[in-house]
N, C-alpha and C. Protein backbone atom coordinates (compact mmCIF):
# COMPACT_ATOMS: atom_id res chain seq x y z
N UNK A 1 18.66 -9.49 20.78
CA UNK A 1 17.79 -8.37 20.42
C UNK A 1 17.45 -7.55 21.67
N UNK A 2 17.55 -6.24 21.55
CA UNK A 2 17.22 -5.36 22.68
C UNK A 2 15.70 -5.22 22.75
N UNK A 3 15.13 -5.40 23.92
CA UNK A 3 13.68 -5.31 24.06
C UNK A 3 13.31 -4.27 25.12
N UNK A 4 12.03 -3.93 25.16
CA UNK A 4 11.53 -2.99 26.15
C UNK A 4 12.10 -1.60 25.98
N UNK A 5 12.04 -0.83 27.05
CA UNK A 5 12.48 0.56 26.99
C UNK A 5 13.98 0.66 26.70
N UNK A 6 14.71 -0.42 26.90
CA UNK A 6 16.15 -0.39 26.64
C UNK A 6 16.47 -0.09 25.18
N UNK A 7 15.55 -0.43 24.27
CA UNK A 7 15.81 -0.13 22.87
C UNK A 7 15.79 1.38 22.63
N UNK A 8 14.98 2.09 23.39
CA UNK A 8 14.94 3.56 23.29
C UNK A 8 16.23 4.14 23.87
N UNK A 9 16.65 3.62 25.01
CA UNK A 9 17.90 4.10 25.63
C UNK A 9 19.11 3.80 24.75
N UNK A 10 19.05 2.69 24.03
CA UNK A 10 20.16 2.32 23.14
C UNK A 10 20.33 3.35 22.02
N UNK A 11 19.22 3.73 21.39
CA UNK A 11 19.32 4.67 20.26
C UNK A 11 19.36 6.13 20.70
N UNK A 12 18.91 6.40 21.92
CA UNK A 12 18.89 7.79 22.43
C UNK A 12 19.59 7.84 23.79
N UNK A 13 20.91 7.66 23.81
CA UNK A 13 21.65 7.57 25.09
C UNK A 13 21.71 8.88 25.86
N UNK A 14 21.37 10.00 25.24
CA UNK A 14 21.47 11.29 25.93
C UNK A 14 20.17 11.70 26.63
N UNK A 15 19.19 10.81 26.72
CA UNK A 15 17.92 11.15 27.37
C UNK A 15 18.15 11.52 28.84
N UNK A 16 17.34 12.44 29.34
CA UNK A 16 17.40 12.80 30.76
C UNK A 16 16.71 11.72 31.59
N UNK A 17 16.92 11.77 32.88
CA UNK A 17 16.25 10.81 33.77
C UNK A 17 14.74 10.94 33.68
N UNK A 18 14.26 12.17 33.56
CA UNK A 18 12.82 12.39 33.42
C UNK A 18 12.29 11.74 32.14
N UNK A 19 13.00 11.91 31.04
CA UNK A 19 12.56 11.31 29.78
C UNK A 19 12.58 9.78 29.88
N UNK A 20 13.59 9.22 30.51
CA UNK A 20 13.66 7.76 30.67
C UNK A 20 12.46 7.28 31.49
N UNK A 21 12.12 8.00 32.56
CA UNK A 21 10.95 7.62 33.37
C UNK A 21 9.68 7.68 32.54
N UNK A 22 9.55 8.73 31.72
CA UNK A 22 8.35 8.88 30.91
C UNK A 22 8.24 7.76 29.87
N UNK A 23 9.34 7.46 29.20
CA UNK A 23 9.30 6.36 28.23
C UNK A 23 9.01 5.03 28.93
N UNK A 24 9.58 4.82 30.11
CA UNK A 24 9.35 3.58 30.85
C UNK A 24 7.89 3.42 31.23
N UNK A 25 7.27 4.53 31.61
CA UNK A 25 5.85 4.52 32.01
C UNK A 25 4.92 4.08 30.88
N UNK A 26 5.31 4.31 29.65
CA UNK A 26 4.42 4.03 28.53
C UNK A 26 3.99 2.57 28.48
N UNK A 27 4.87 1.66 28.86
CA UNK A 27 4.53 0.24 28.82
C UNK A 27 3.34 -0.05 29.73
N UNK A 28 3.42 0.39 30.98
CA UNK A 28 2.34 0.15 31.93
C UNK A 28 1.05 0.86 31.49
N UNK A 29 1.19 2.11 31.04
CA UNK A 29 0.01 2.89 30.66
C UNK A 29 -0.71 2.29 29.46
N UNK A 30 0.03 1.95 28.42
CA UNK A 30 -0.63 1.40 27.24
C UNK A 30 -1.14 -0.02 27.47
N UNK A 31 -0.43 -0.80 28.28
CA UNK A 31 -0.91 -2.14 28.61
C UNK A 31 -2.24 -2.06 29.36
N UNK A 32 -2.32 -1.15 30.33
CA UNK A 32 -3.56 -0.98 31.11
C UNK A 32 -4.71 -0.51 30.22
N UNK A 33 -4.45 0.51 29.43
CA UNK A 33 -5.51 1.05 28.56
C UNK A 33 -5.91 0.07 27.48
N UNK A 34 -4.95 -0.68 26.97
CA UNK A 34 -5.25 -1.61 25.89
C UNK A 34 -6.15 -2.75 26.35
N UNK A 35 -6.10 -3.04 27.65
CA UNK A 35 -6.98 -4.07 28.20
C UNK A 35 -8.43 -3.61 28.20
N UNK A 36 -8.64 -2.27 28.19
CA UNK A 36 -10.00 -1.70 28.21
C UNK A 36 -10.45 -1.27 26.83
N UNK A 37 -9.54 -0.61 26.10
CA UNK A 37 -9.85 -0.05 24.78
C UNK A 37 -8.74 -0.49 23.83
N UNK A 38 -9.10 -1.14 22.76
CA UNK A 38 -8.09 -1.69 21.86
C UNK A 38 -7.49 -0.60 20.97
N UNK A 39 -6.43 0.06 21.47
CA UNK A 39 -5.78 1.12 20.68
C UNK A 39 -4.55 0.61 19.94
N UNK A 40 -4.01 -0.51 20.40
CA UNK A 40 -2.90 -1.19 19.73
C UNK A 40 -3.34 -2.65 19.58
N UNK A 41 -3.02 -3.27 18.45
CA UNK A 41 -3.37 -4.67 18.26
C UNK A 41 -2.94 -5.49 19.48
N UNK A 42 -3.83 -6.35 19.96
CA UNK A 42 -3.53 -7.14 21.16
C UNK A 42 -2.25 -7.95 20.97
N UNK A 43 -2.02 -8.43 19.76
CA UNK A 43 -0.82 -9.22 19.50
C UNK A 43 0.43 -8.34 19.47
N UNK A 44 0.24 -7.04 19.29
CA UNK A 44 1.38 -6.14 19.05
C UNK A 44 1.80 -5.36 20.28
N UNK A 45 1.05 -5.45 21.37
CA UNK A 45 1.37 -4.65 22.56
C UNK A 45 2.75 -5.02 23.11
N UNK A 46 3.17 -6.28 22.91
CA UNK A 46 4.50 -6.69 23.39
C UNK A 46 5.62 -6.06 22.57
N UNK A 47 5.26 -5.55 21.40
CA UNK A 47 6.23 -4.85 20.54
C UNK A 47 6.10 -3.33 20.65
N UNK A 48 5.52 -2.87 21.74
CA UNK A 48 5.22 -1.44 21.91
C UNK A 48 6.43 -0.56 21.60
N UNK A 49 7.58 -0.88 22.17
CA UNK A 49 8.71 0.04 22.07
C UNK A 49 9.32 0.10 20.67
N UNK A 50 9.38 -1.02 19.97
CA UNK A 50 9.95 -1.00 18.61
C UNK A 50 8.92 -0.53 17.59
N UNK A 51 7.75 -1.16 17.57
CA UNK A 51 6.75 -0.92 16.52
C UNK A 51 6.02 0.41 16.67
N UNK A 52 5.99 0.96 17.87
CA UNK A 52 5.18 2.16 18.10
C UNK A 52 6.01 3.34 18.62
N UNK A 53 6.76 3.13 19.69
CA UNK A 53 7.52 4.23 20.29
C UNK A 53 8.74 4.59 19.42
N UNK A 54 9.59 3.63 19.14
CA UNK A 54 10.79 3.91 18.34
C UNK A 54 10.39 4.35 16.92
N UNK A 55 9.39 3.71 16.36
CA UNK A 55 8.89 4.10 15.02
C UNK A 55 8.48 5.57 15.03
N UNK A 56 7.76 5.99 16.06
CA UNK A 56 7.34 7.39 16.17
C UNK A 56 8.54 8.32 16.21
N UNK A 57 9.57 7.92 16.93
CA UNK A 57 10.76 8.76 17.06
C UNK A 57 11.54 8.86 15.75
N UNK A 58 11.20 8.01 14.79
CA UNK A 58 11.85 8.09 13.48
C UNK A 58 11.72 9.45 12.82
N UNK A 59 10.68 10.20 13.18
CA UNK A 59 10.51 11.55 12.61
C UNK A 59 11.71 12.43 12.95
N UNK A 60 12.36 12.17 14.07
CA UNK A 60 13.54 12.93 14.46
C UNK A 60 14.69 12.75 13.47
N UNK A 61 14.66 11.68 12.68
CA UNK A 61 15.70 11.46 11.68
C UNK A 61 15.53 12.37 10.47
N UNK A 62 14.36 13.00 10.35
CA UNK A 62 14.13 13.99 9.31
C UNK A 62 14.38 15.40 9.83
N UNK A 63 13.99 15.66 11.08
CA UNK A 63 14.13 17.01 11.64
C UNK A 63 14.22 16.94 13.16
N UNK A 64 15.07 17.80 13.71
CA UNK A 64 15.06 18.03 15.17
C UNK A 64 14.35 19.36 15.38
N UNK A 65 13.12 19.28 15.86
CA UNK A 65 12.31 20.49 16.03
C UNK A 65 12.98 21.46 17.00
N UNK A 66 12.97 22.74 16.66
CA UNK A 66 13.46 23.77 17.56
C UNK A 66 12.43 24.03 18.65
N UNK A 67 12.90 24.60 19.78
CA UNK A 67 11.99 24.96 20.87
C UNK A 67 10.90 25.89 20.35
N UNK A 68 9.71 25.73 20.90
CA UNK A 68 8.53 26.55 20.56
C UNK A 68 7.91 26.23 19.20
N UNK A 69 8.40 25.18 18.54
CA UNK A 69 7.72 24.71 17.33
C UNK A 69 6.37 24.12 17.73
N UNK A 70 5.37 24.26 16.84
CA UNK A 70 4.06 23.65 17.09
C UNK A 70 3.80 22.58 16.05
N UNK A 71 3.33 21.42 16.52
CA UNK A 71 3.16 20.25 15.66
C UNK A 71 1.77 19.66 15.88
N UNK A 72 1.06 19.39 14.79
CA UNK A 72 -0.22 18.69 14.88
C UNK A 72 -0.05 17.26 14.39
N UNK A 73 -0.51 16.32 15.20
CA UNK A 73 -0.47 14.89 14.87
C UNK A 73 -1.87 14.48 14.41
N UNK A 74 -2.00 14.17 13.13
CA UNK A 74 -3.30 13.84 12.53
C UNK A 74 -3.54 12.33 12.57
N UNK A 75 -4.70 11.93 13.10
CA UNK A 75 -5.01 10.51 13.22
C UNK A 75 -4.10 9.82 14.21
N UNK A 76 -3.95 10.44 15.35
CA UNK A 76 -2.98 9.99 16.35
C UNK A 76 -3.31 8.64 16.98
N UNK A 77 -4.57 8.21 16.89
CA UNK A 77 -4.95 6.97 17.57
C UNK A 77 -4.75 7.12 19.07
N UNK A 78 -4.00 6.23 19.65
CA UNK A 78 -3.72 6.32 21.09
C UNK A 78 -2.56 7.24 21.44
N UNK A 79 -2.03 7.98 20.43
CA UNK A 79 -0.97 8.93 20.74
C UNK A 79 0.32 8.75 19.97
N UNK A 80 0.25 8.16 18.78
CA UNK A 80 1.46 7.93 17.99
C UNK A 80 1.37 8.64 16.65
N UNK A 81 2.37 9.40 16.26
CA UNK A 81 3.70 9.54 16.89
C UNK A 81 3.79 10.63 17.97
N UNK A 82 2.68 11.33 18.25
CA UNK A 82 2.75 12.55 19.08
C UNK A 82 3.33 12.38 20.47
N UNK A 83 2.91 11.34 21.21
CA UNK A 83 3.36 11.23 22.60
C UNK A 83 4.85 10.90 22.71
N UNK A 84 5.39 9.92 21.97
CA UNK A 84 6.85 9.72 22.04
C UNK A 84 7.63 10.97 21.62
N UNK A 85 7.14 11.67 20.60
CA UNK A 85 7.83 12.90 20.17
C UNK A 85 7.75 13.98 21.24
N UNK A 86 6.63 14.05 21.96
CA UNK A 86 6.49 15.05 23.02
C UNK A 86 7.47 14.78 24.17
N UNK A 87 7.76 13.50 24.42
CA UNK A 87 8.77 13.17 25.43
C UNK A 87 10.16 13.57 24.93
N UNK A 88 10.44 13.28 23.67
CA UNK A 88 11.77 13.57 23.12
C UNK A 88 12.00 15.07 22.99
N UNK A 89 10.94 15.83 22.68
CA UNK A 89 11.06 17.29 22.47
C UNK A 89 10.17 18.03 23.47
N UNK A 90 10.60 18.13 24.73
CA UNK A 90 9.74 18.73 25.76
C UNK A 90 9.46 20.22 25.56
N UNK A 91 10.23 20.90 24.72
CA UNK A 91 10.00 22.34 24.51
C UNK A 91 9.21 22.61 23.23
N UNK A 92 8.64 21.56 22.67
CA UNK A 92 7.81 21.67 21.46
C UNK A 92 6.37 21.35 21.84
N UNK A 93 5.41 22.06 21.25
CA UNK A 93 3.98 21.84 21.54
C UNK A 93 3.38 20.86 20.55
N UNK A 94 2.69 19.85 21.07
CA UNK A 94 2.06 18.83 20.23
C UNK A 94 0.54 18.85 20.43
N UNK A 95 -0.17 18.84 19.32
CA UNK A 95 -1.63 18.89 19.31
C UNK A 95 -2.11 17.64 18.58
N UNK A 96 -2.73 16.73 19.32
CA UNK A 96 -3.09 15.42 18.79
C UNK A 96 -4.58 15.38 18.48
N UNK A 97 -4.92 15.00 17.23
CA UNK A 97 -6.33 14.89 16.89
C UNK A 97 -6.63 13.50 16.32
N UNK A 98 -7.87 13.06 16.54
CA UNK A 98 -8.33 11.80 15.97
C UNK A 98 -9.85 11.84 15.90
N UNK A 99 -10.40 11.16 14.89
CA UNK A 99 -11.86 11.16 14.72
C UNK A 99 -12.55 10.15 15.63
N UNK A 100 -11.77 9.30 16.31
CA UNK A 100 -12.34 8.30 17.22
C UNK A 100 -12.17 8.78 18.66
N UNK A 101 -13.27 9.08 19.31
CA UNK A 101 -13.23 9.68 20.63
C UNK A 101 -12.53 8.84 21.69
N UNK A 102 -12.76 7.52 21.68
CA UNK A 102 -12.16 6.69 22.73
C UNK A 102 -10.64 6.63 22.61
N UNK A 103 -10.13 6.77 21.37
CA UNK A 103 -8.67 6.76 21.20
C UNK A 103 -8.05 8.06 21.71
N UNK A 104 -8.71 9.17 21.45
CA UNK A 104 -8.22 10.46 21.97
C UNK A 104 -8.27 10.48 23.50
N UNK A 105 -9.29 9.83 24.06
CA UNK A 105 -9.37 9.72 25.53
C UNK A 105 -8.13 9.03 26.08
N UNK A 106 -7.69 7.96 25.41
CA UNK A 106 -6.48 7.25 25.83
C UNK A 106 -5.25 8.14 25.69
N UNK A 107 -5.13 8.81 24.54
CA UNK A 107 -3.96 9.67 24.31
C UNK A 107 -3.85 10.74 25.39
N UNK A 108 -4.97 11.37 25.74
CA UNK A 108 -4.96 12.42 26.77
C UNK A 108 -4.61 11.84 28.14
N UNK A 109 -5.17 10.68 28.45
CA UNK A 109 -4.90 10.04 29.74
C UNK A 109 -3.43 9.65 29.86
N UNK A 110 -2.86 9.13 28.79
CA UNK A 110 -1.43 8.75 28.82
C UNK A 110 -0.56 10.00 28.97
N UNK A 111 -0.88 11.04 28.23
CA UNK A 111 -0.12 12.29 28.33
C UNK A 111 -0.17 12.85 29.76
N UNK A 112 -1.36 12.83 30.35
CA UNK A 112 -1.52 13.33 31.72
C UNK A 112 -0.72 12.49 32.71
N UNK A 113 -0.83 11.18 32.58
CA UNK A 113 -0.14 10.28 33.53
C UNK A 113 1.37 10.37 33.40
N UNK A 114 1.85 10.68 32.20
CA UNK A 114 3.29 10.80 31.98
C UNK A 114 3.81 12.21 32.29
N UNK A 115 2.91 13.11 32.67
CA UNK A 115 3.31 14.47 33.03
C UNK A 115 3.71 15.31 31.83
N UNK A 116 3.08 15.06 30.67
CA UNK A 116 3.43 15.80 29.46
C UNK A 116 2.58 17.07 29.36
N UNK A 117 3.15 18.16 29.78
CA UNK A 117 2.42 19.44 29.74
C UNK A 117 2.45 20.08 28.36
N UNK A 118 3.19 19.49 27.43
CA UNK A 118 3.30 20.03 26.06
C UNK A 118 2.39 19.30 25.08
N UNK A 119 1.39 18.59 25.59
CA UNK A 119 0.45 17.85 24.75
C UNK A 119 -0.97 18.33 24.99
N UNK A 120 -1.68 18.61 23.90
CA UNK A 120 -3.12 18.89 23.94
C UNK A 120 -3.79 17.96 22.94
N UNK A 121 -5.07 17.64 23.16
CA UNK A 121 -5.77 16.72 22.27
C UNK A 121 -7.13 17.28 21.88
N UNK A 122 -7.66 16.77 20.76
CA UNK A 122 -9.01 17.13 20.34
C UNK A 122 -9.63 15.97 19.56
N UNK A 123 -10.89 15.71 19.87
CA UNK A 123 -11.65 14.70 19.13
C UNK A 123 -12.30 15.39 17.94
N UNK A 124 -11.74 15.20 16.76
CA UNK A 124 -12.31 15.81 15.55
C UNK A 124 -11.70 15.18 14.32
N UNK A 125 -12.32 15.44 13.19
CA UNK A 125 -11.73 15.08 11.90
C UNK A 125 -10.80 16.22 11.49
N UNK A 126 -9.78 15.90 10.70
CA UNK A 126 -8.82 16.93 10.31
C UNK A 126 -9.50 18.04 9.50
N UNK A 127 -10.56 17.70 8.76
CA UNK A 127 -11.27 18.71 7.98
C UNK A 127 -11.88 19.79 8.86
N UNK A 128 -12.17 19.46 10.13
CA UNK A 128 -12.80 20.41 11.05
C UNK A 128 -11.80 21.32 11.75
N UNK A 129 -10.54 20.92 11.77
CA UNK A 129 -9.53 21.67 12.53
C UNK A 129 -9.05 22.88 11.74
N UNK A 130 -9.14 24.06 12.37
CA UNK A 130 -8.79 25.31 11.69
C UNK A 130 -7.44 25.90 12.16
N UNK A 131 -6.84 25.29 13.19
CA UNK A 131 -5.61 25.84 13.75
C UNK A 131 -4.44 25.79 12.79
N UNK A 132 -3.43 26.64 13.06
CA UNK A 132 -2.23 26.72 12.24
C UNK A 132 -1.03 26.18 13.03
N UNK A 133 -0.19 25.41 12.34
CA UNK A 133 0.94 24.75 12.98
C UNK A 133 2.17 24.83 12.07
N UNK A 134 3.35 24.64 12.67
CA UNK A 134 4.58 24.63 11.86
C UNK A 134 4.66 23.34 11.04
N UNK A 135 4.36 22.23 11.69
CA UNK A 135 4.43 20.94 11.01
C UNK A 135 3.21 20.08 11.33
N UNK A 136 2.85 19.26 10.35
CA UNK A 136 1.85 18.22 10.54
C UNK A 136 2.60 16.90 10.50
N UNK A 137 2.32 16.00 11.45
CA UNK A 137 2.91 14.66 11.42
C UNK A 137 1.78 13.63 11.40
N UNK A 138 2.09 12.46 10.86
CA UNK A 138 1.12 11.37 10.89
C UNK A 138 1.83 10.05 10.67
N UNK A 139 1.12 8.98 11.01
CA UNK A 139 1.67 7.64 10.86
C UNK A 139 0.67 6.80 10.07
N UNK A 140 0.91 6.69 8.75
CA UNK A 140 0.10 5.81 7.88
C UNK A 140 -1.40 6.03 8.04
N UNK A 141 -1.83 7.28 8.05
CA UNK A 141 -3.25 7.59 8.24
C UNK A 141 -4.05 7.42 6.96
N UNK A 142 -3.52 7.98 5.86
CA UNK A 142 -4.20 7.91 4.56
C UNK A 142 -3.17 8.18 3.47
N UNK A 143 -3.50 7.92 2.21
CA UNK A 143 -2.54 8.21 1.13
C UNK A 143 -2.12 9.67 1.13
N UNK A 144 -0.86 9.91 0.78
CA UNK A 144 -0.28 11.26 0.84
C UNK A 144 -1.10 12.32 0.09
N UNK A 145 -1.56 12.07 -1.15
CA UNK A 145 -2.32 13.14 -1.83
C UNK A 145 -3.55 13.58 -1.06
N UNK A 146 -4.27 12.62 -0.45
CA UNK A 146 -5.45 12.97 0.33
C UNK A 146 -5.06 13.75 1.59
N UNK A 147 -4.00 13.31 2.24
CA UNK A 147 -3.58 13.97 3.47
C UNK A 147 -3.11 15.39 3.19
N UNK A 148 -2.31 15.58 2.14
CA UNK A 148 -1.84 16.91 1.77
C UNK A 148 -3.02 17.85 1.53
N UNK A 149 -4.01 17.37 0.80
CA UNK A 149 -5.18 18.19 0.49
C UNK A 149 -5.91 18.64 1.75
N UNK A 150 -5.93 17.80 2.77
CA UNK A 150 -6.66 18.10 4.00
C UNK A 150 -5.90 19.01 4.97
N UNK A 151 -4.55 18.95 4.94
CA UNK A 151 -3.78 19.68 5.96
C UNK A 151 -3.11 20.96 5.47
N UNK A 152 -3.15 21.23 4.17
CA UNK A 152 -2.49 22.44 3.66
C UNK A 152 -2.96 23.69 4.40
N UNK A 153 -4.24 23.73 4.72
CA UNK A 153 -4.85 24.89 5.38
C UNK A 153 -4.30 25.08 6.79
N UNK A 154 -3.69 24.05 7.38
CA UNK A 154 -3.25 24.10 8.77
C UNK A 154 -1.77 24.45 8.95
N UNK A 155 -1.05 24.68 7.85
CA UNK A 155 0.39 24.97 7.93
C UNK A 155 0.62 26.47 7.88
N UNK A 156 1.26 27.01 8.95
CA UNK A 156 1.48 28.45 8.99
C UNK A 156 2.64 28.86 8.10
N UNK A 157 2.64 30.12 7.70
CA UNK A 157 3.66 30.63 6.79
C UNK A 157 4.98 30.95 7.50
N UNK A 158 4.91 31.47 8.72
CA UNK A 158 6.12 31.87 9.44
C UNK A 158 7.01 30.64 9.69
N UNK A 159 8.30 30.78 9.48
CA UNK A 159 9.24 29.66 9.58
C UNK A 159 10.15 29.80 10.80
N UNK A 160 10.47 28.68 11.44
CA UNK A 160 11.41 28.75 12.57
C UNK A 160 12.34 27.54 12.65
N UNK A 161 12.29 26.65 11.64
CA UNK A 161 13.11 25.43 11.67
C UNK A 161 14.03 25.34 10.45
N UNK A 162 14.92 24.38 10.47
CA UNK A 162 15.86 24.20 9.36
C UNK A 162 15.14 23.79 8.08
N UNK A 163 14.08 23.00 8.21
CA UNK A 163 13.24 22.64 7.06
C UNK A 163 12.06 23.60 6.98
N UNK A 164 11.62 24.00 5.78
CA UNK A 164 10.39 24.78 5.66
C UNK A 164 9.20 24.00 6.25
N UNK A 165 8.23 24.70 6.76
CA UNK A 165 7.05 24.07 7.35
C UNK A 165 6.40 23.11 6.36
N UNK A 166 5.79 22.05 6.89
CA UNK A 166 5.15 21.10 6.00
C UNK A 166 4.67 19.86 6.71
N UNK A 167 4.58 18.78 5.94
CA UNK A 167 4.03 17.50 6.39
C UNK A 167 5.16 16.49 6.51
N UNK A 168 5.17 15.73 7.63
CA UNK A 168 6.15 14.67 7.83
C UNK A 168 5.39 13.40 8.20
N UNK A 169 5.53 12.36 7.37
CA UNK A 169 4.77 11.12 7.56
C UNK A 169 5.68 9.93 7.76
N UNK A 170 5.21 9.01 8.59
CA UNK A 170 5.84 7.71 8.72
C UNK A 170 5.09 6.74 7.82
N UNK A 171 5.81 6.11 6.91
CA UNK A 171 5.18 5.24 5.91
C UNK A 171 6.00 3.98 5.73
N UNK A 172 5.35 2.94 5.16
CA UNK A 172 6.05 1.70 4.87
C UNK A 172 5.63 1.15 3.53
N UNK A 173 6.41 0.19 3.01
CA UNK A 173 6.05 -0.46 1.77
C UNK A 173 6.42 0.33 0.53
N UNK A 174 5.79 0.00 -0.59
CA UNK A 174 6.07 0.64 -1.87
C UNK A 174 5.30 1.96 -1.95
N UNK A 175 6.03 3.06 -1.97
CA UNK A 175 5.41 4.39 -1.90
C UNK A 175 5.52 5.17 -3.21
N UNK A 176 5.97 4.53 -4.27
CA UNK A 176 6.24 5.26 -5.51
C UNK A 176 5.04 6.05 -6.01
N UNK A 177 3.87 5.40 -6.05
CA UNK A 177 2.69 6.08 -6.60
C UNK A 177 2.22 7.21 -5.68
N UNK A 178 2.35 7.01 -4.35
CA UNK A 178 1.93 8.05 -3.41
C UNK A 178 2.83 9.29 -3.51
N UNK A 179 4.12 9.05 -3.66
CA UNK A 179 5.08 10.16 -3.66
C UNK A 179 5.13 10.86 -5.02
N UNK A 180 4.73 10.15 -6.07
CA UNK A 180 4.89 10.66 -7.44
C UNK A 180 4.43 12.11 -7.64
N UNK A 181 3.25 12.52 -7.12
CA UNK A 181 2.81 13.90 -7.34
C UNK A 181 3.72 14.95 -6.68
N UNK A 182 4.55 14.51 -5.72
CA UNK A 182 5.38 15.44 -4.95
C UNK A 182 6.88 15.18 -5.16
N UNK A 183 7.20 14.38 -6.16
CA UNK A 183 8.58 13.90 -6.31
C UNK A 183 9.60 15.02 -6.36
N UNK A 184 9.27 16.15 -6.98
CA UNK A 184 10.25 17.23 -7.11
C UNK A 184 10.50 17.94 -5.78
N UNK A 185 9.59 17.78 -4.81
CA UNK A 185 9.71 18.48 -3.52
C UNK A 185 10.02 17.55 -2.36
N UNK A 186 9.53 16.31 -2.44
CA UNK A 186 9.57 15.42 -1.28
C UNK A 186 11.00 14.98 -0.94
N UNK A 187 11.24 14.79 0.35
CA UNK A 187 12.46 14.17 0.85
C UNK A 187 12.06 12.89 1.57
N UNK A 188 12.91 11.88 1.51
CA UNK A 188 12.60 10.67 2.26
C UNK A 188 13.85 10.14 2.95
N UNK A 189 13.63 9.51 4.08
CA UNK A 189 14.70 8.93 4.88
C UNK A 189 14.34 7.46 5.13
N UNK A 190 15.29 6.56 4.89
CA UNK A 190 15.11 5.14 5.21
C UNK A 190 15.44 4.92 6.68
N UNK A 191 14.46 4.48 7.45
CA UNK A 191 14.72 4.28 8.88
C UNK A 191 15.66 3.11 9.12
N UNK A 192 15.78 2.21 8.14
CA UNK A 192 16.72 1.09 8.31
C UNK A 192 18.18 1.57 8.35
N UNK A 193 18.42 2.80 7.92
CA UNK A 193 19.77 3.36 8.02
C UNK A 193 20.13 3.72 9.46
N UNK A 194 19.10 3.81 10.32
CA UNK A 194 19.31 4.25 11.70
C UNK A 194 18.95 3.18 12.73
N UNK A 195 17.84 2.48 12.47
CA UNK A 195 17.34 1.47 13.42
C UNK A 195 17.53 0.08 12.78
N UNK A 196 18.19 -0.82 13.47
CA UNK A 196 18.62 -2.09 12.86
C UNK A 196 17.62 -3.24 13.02
N UNK A 197 16.51 -3.03 13.71
CA UNK A 197 15.51 -4.07 13.86
C UNK A 197 14.85 -4.35 12.49
N UNK A 198 14.53 -5.61 12.17
CA UNK A 198 13.93 -5.96 10.88
C UNK A 198 12.63 -5.20 10.57
N UNK A 199 11.90 -4.80 11.60
CA UNK A 199 10.66 -4.04 11.41
C UNK A 199 10.87 -2.81 10.53
N UNK A 200 12.07 -2.23 10.59
CA UNK A 200 12.32 -0.97 9.88
C UNK A 200 12.84 -1.15 8.45
N UNK A 201 12.92 -2.40 7.99
CA UNK A 201 13.50 -2.65 6.67
C UNK A 201 12.80 -1.89 5.55
N UNK A 202 11.50 -1.71 5.65
CA UNK A 202 10.75 -1.00 4.58
C UNK A 202 10.14 0.31 5.07
N UNK A 203 10.55 0.78 6.25
CA UNK A 203 9.93 1.97 6.83
C UNK A 203 10.69 3.24 6.43
N UNK A 204 9.92 4.26 6.09
CA UNK A 204 10.49 5.54 5.67
C UNK A 204 9.84 6.71 6.41
N UNK A 205 10.55 7.83 6.42
CA UNK A 205 9.97 9.12 6.82
C UNK A 205 9.89 9.97 5.55
N UNK A 206 8.72 10.49 5.26
CA UNK A 206 8.51 11.31 4.07
C UNK A 206 8.20 12.74 4.49
N UNK A 207 8.90 13.69 3.90
CA UNK A 207 8.66 15.11 4.16
C UNK A 207 8.22 15.81 2.88
N UNK A 208 7.15 16.61 3.00
CA UNK A 208 6.66 17.41 1.87
C UNK A 208 6.48 18.84 2.36
N UNK A 209 7.20 19.82 1.80
CA UNK A 209 6.99 21.20 2.22
C UNK A 209 5.61 21.70 1.76
N UNK A 210 4.96 22.42 2.65
CA UNK A 210 3.65 23.00 2.31
C UNK A 210 3.67 24.49 2.58
């Protein structure tokens, strides 16, 4: 089994040296911060690259964002999926929000230490955020119907990507009831088709145009 940052290099062999350095730094940064503020389960920090970094990059299997796209990450916690995506897409702007202040503090500190100039953060609830973005991303924050209701106001009308603007979520398990209200519009991708680690056996990327 491939472990550590090598799993990222395995699936993304075209990364630049700068991107490899940034991904490599995440282990030290999250390990240090996790010792002070529990942003990742203590038992799970050793699985950082598969369970958190590679999982976040799964959104790329639904869309490769064009340069100058703007993306809001709702309920980012310590920076997932926003920070790994910001490394992968350096010409895309990422805006990370979370209702827990100490988690946003970690996300901003990690972004700064990794030299990510395309990341901004805000401590707020999604209901308070009035900004407009091309896409909203999230990782298992809340059921899809609730999330759609909260973020519709934040999706801009102007289009610049292959997919119409909307919501892209990382989800796991049985999603039939969550997806049902959007079945005629939603697209889904099985991450097990791309990533061979057992963790991804039930993991999906869900896209809903808004």
